[in-house]
Amino acid sequence: MIVYEDGCLLAGVDPKEVERIAKGIEKYAKQAQKLKITVFGGSSGTLRFDDNPTEAENRSIILAEMQGKWDGGCGAGWEDDDRILRGE
């Protein structure tokens, strides 16, 4: 799991809380994987913060990436000009 502190701070979210939530989700995703259950969440499991829901191009801030088996969409991400990782 990776928590992106810069993105958390930009979103006004405590990075430690994001880490706690991500660890819990990751734990259950790994348990599900052992049971051959797929958790949907894009091509990778992420926690995202939508900082501009009115923008035509969805550029949510990726707060954390988690290990486990994920499915349900592309889940693409890229760095913006300020080096903040953003998602589709």
C-alpha atoms as a PDB file:
ATOM      1  CA  MET A   1       0.000   0.000   0.000  1.00  0.00           C
ATOM      2  CA  ILE A   2       1.151   3.510  -0.780  1.00  0.00           C
ATOM      3  CA  VAL A   3      -0.355   6.632   0.796  1.00  0.00           C
ATOM      4  CA  TYR A   4       0.309   9.838  -1.138  1.00  0.00           C
ATOM      5  CA  GLU A   5       0.760  12.420   1.608  1.00  0.00           C
ATOM      6  CA  ASP A   6       0.888  15.398  -0.778  1.00  0.00           C
ATOM      7  CA  GLY A   7      -2.488  14.431  -2.238  1.00  0.00           C
ATOM      8  CA  CYS A   8      -3.968  13.880   1.227  1.00  0.00           C
ATOM      9  CA  LEU A   9      -2.796  17.280   2.412  1.00  0.00           C
ATOM     10  CA  LEU A  10      -4.101  18.961  -0.755  1.00  0.00           C
ATOM     11  CA  ALA A  11      -7.490  17.315  -0.162  1.00  0.00           C
ATOM     12  CA  GLY A  12      -7.472  18.342   3.512  1.00  0.00           C
ATOM     13  CA  VAL A  13      -7.495  14.710   4.650  1.00  0.00           C
ATOM     14  CA  ASP A  14      -5.299  13.290   7.432  1.00  0.00           C
ATOM     15  CA  PRO A  15      -2.776  10.900   5.795  1.00  0.00           C
ATOM     16  CA  LYS A  16      -2.835   8.665   8.913  1.00  0.00           C
ATOM     17  CA  GLU A  17      -6.615   8.228   8.590  1.00  0.00           C
ATOM     18  CA  VAL A  18      -6.247   7.416   4.880  1.00  0.00           C
ATOM     19  CA  GLU A  19      -3.574   4.851   5.788  1.00  0.00           C
ATOM     20  CA  ARG A  20      -5.821   3.292   8.461  1.00  0.00           C
ATOM     21  CA  ILE A  21      -8.750   2.998   6.034  1.00  0.00           C
ATOM     22  CA  ALA A  22      -6.563   1.691   3.206  1.00  0.00           C
ATOM     23  CA  LYS A  23      -4.985  -0.950   5.481  1.00  0.00           C
ATOM     24  CA  GLY A  24      -8.433  -2.180   6.495  1.00  0.00           C
ATOM     25  CA  ILE A  25      -9.718  -2.353   2.921  1.00  0.00           C
ATOM     26  CA  GLU A  26      -6.499  -4.002   1.767  1.00  0.00           C
ATOM     27  CA  LYS A  27      -6.760  -6.587   4.540  1.00  0.00           C
ATOM     28  CA  TYR A  28     -10.263  -7.602   3.496  1.00  0.00           C
ATOM     29  CA  ALA A  29      -9.379  -7.513  -0.203  1.00  0.00           C
ATOM     30  CA  LYS A  30      -6.547  -9.963   0.455  1.00  0.00           C
ATOM     31  CA  GLN A  31      -8.903 -12.222   2.459  1.00  0.00           C
ATOM     32  CA  ALA A  32     -11.418 -12.088  -0.388  1.00  0.00           C
ATOM     33  CA  GLN A  33      -8.692 -12.985  -2.880  1.00  0.00           C
ATOM     34  CA  LYS A  34      -7.828 -16.095  -0.844  1.00  0.00           C
ATOM     35  CA  LEU A  35     -11.485 -17.128  -1.181  1.00  0.00           C
ATOM     36  CA  LYS A  36     -11.377 -16.372  -4.930  1.00  0.00           C
ATOM     37  CA  ILE A  37     -13.730 -13.426  -4.426  1.00  0.00           C
ATOM     38  CA  THR A  38     -13.053 -10.319  -6.532  1.00  0.00           C
ATOM     39  CA  VAL A  39     -13.492  -6.862  -5.035  1.00  0.00           C
ATOM     40  CA  PHE A  40     -14.448  -4.324  -7.718  1.00  0.00           C
ATOM     41  CA  GLY A  41     -12.489  -1.110  -7.791  1.00  0.00           C
ATOM     42  CA  GLY A  42     -10.824  -0.478 -11.133  1.00  0.00           C
ATOM     43  CA  SER A  43      -7.649  -2.111 -12.425  1.00  0.00           C
ATOM     44  CA  SER A  44      -6.089  -1.223  -9.070  1.00  0.00           C
ATOM     45  CA  GLY A  45      -7.614  -0.631  -5.655  1.00  0.00           C
ATOM     46  CA  THR A  46      -7.450   3.038  -4.799  1.00  0.00           C
ATOM     47  CA  LEU A  47      -8.973   5.557  -2.435  1.00  0.00           C
ATOM     48  CA  ARG A  48      -9.849   8.728  -4.321  1.00  0.00           C
ATOM     49  CA  PHE A  49     -10.967  12.237  -3.394  1.00  0.00           C
ATOM     50  CA  ASP A  50     -13.037  14.230  -5.903  1.00  0.00           C
ATOM     51  CA  ASP A  51     -11.851  17.821  -5.477  1.00  0.00           C
ATOM     52  CA  ASN A  52     -13.790  19.256  -8.448  1.00  0.00           C
ATOM     53  CA  PRO A  53     -16.997  17.305  -9.226  1.00  0.00           C
ATOM     54  CA  THR A  54     -18.198  19.927 -11.735  1.00  0.00           C
ATOM     55  CA  GLU A  55     -15.178  19.559 -14.003  1.00  0.00           C
ATOM     56  CA  ALA A  56     -15.993  17.703 -17.241  1.00  0.00           C
ATOM     57  CA  GLU A  57     -12.743  15.705 -17.042  1.00  0.00           C
ATOM     58  CA  ASN A  58     -12.798  13.698 -13.811  1.00  0.00           C
ATOM     59  CA  ARG A  59      -9.451  14.398 -12.120  1.00  0.00           C
ATOM     60  CA  SER A  60      -9.855  12.902  -8.680  1.00  0.00           C
ATOM     61  CA  ILE A  61      -6.867  12.894  -6.315  1.00  0.00           C
ATOM     62  CA  ILE A  62      -5.539   9.396  -5.651  1.00  0.00           C
ATOM     63  CA  LEU A  63      -4.982   9.217  -1.893  1.00  0.00           C
ATOM     64  CA  ALA A  64      -3.831   5.590  -1.612  1.00  0.00           C
ATOM     65  CA  GLU A  65      -3.207   2.484  -3.701  1.00  0.00           C
ATOM     66  CA  MET A  66      -3.869  -0.939  -2.212  1.00  0.00           C
ATOM     67  CA  GLN A  67      -2.754  -4.479  -2.941  1.00  0.00           C
ATOM     68  CA  GLY A  68      -5.261  -7.209  -3.698  1.00  0.00           C
ATOM     69  CA  LYS A  69      -7.329  -8.366  -6.661  1.00  0.00           C
ATOM     70  CA  TRP A  70      -9.393  -5.529  -8.150  1.00  0.00           C
ATOM     71  CA  ASP A  71     -11.650  -5.325 -11.177  1.00  0.00           C
ATOM     72  CA  GLY A  72     -14.274  -2.974 -12.541  1.00  0.00           C
ATOM     73  CA  GLY A  73     -12.689  -0.400 -14.850  1.00  0.00           C
ATOM     74  CA  CYS A  74      -9.478   1.158 -16.067  1.00  0.00           C
ATOM     75  CA  GLY A  75      -8.333   2.974 -12.915  1.00  0.00           C
ATOM     76  CA  ALA A  76      -5.751   5.016 -14.843  1.00  0.00           C
ATOM     77  CA  GLY A  77      -3.719   7.674 -13.055  1.00  0.00           C
ATOM     78  CA  TRP A  78      -1.128  10.303 -13.984  1.00  0.00           C
ATOM     79  CA  GLU A  79       0.859  13.112 -12.367  1.00  0.00           C
ATOM     80  CA  ASP A  80      -0.414  16.635 -12.964  1.00  0.00           C
ATOM     81  CA  ASP A  81       1.819  19.701 -13.389  1.00  0.00           C
ATOM     82  CA  ASP A  82       2.141  19.970  -9.580  1.00  0.00           C
ATOM     83  CA  ARG A  83       3.248  16.307  -9.316  1.00  0.00           C
ATOM     84  CA  ILE A  84      -0.027  15.264  -7.651  1.00  0.00           C
ATOM     85  CA  LEU A  85      -1.188  11.824  -8.757  1.00  0.00           C
ATOM     86  CA  ARG A  86      -4.682  12.159 -10.295  1.00  0.00           C
ATOM     87  CA  GLY A  87      -7.098   9.538 -11.557  1.00  0.00           C
ATOM     88  CA  GLU A  88      -9.576   9.279 -14.385  1.00  0.00           C
END
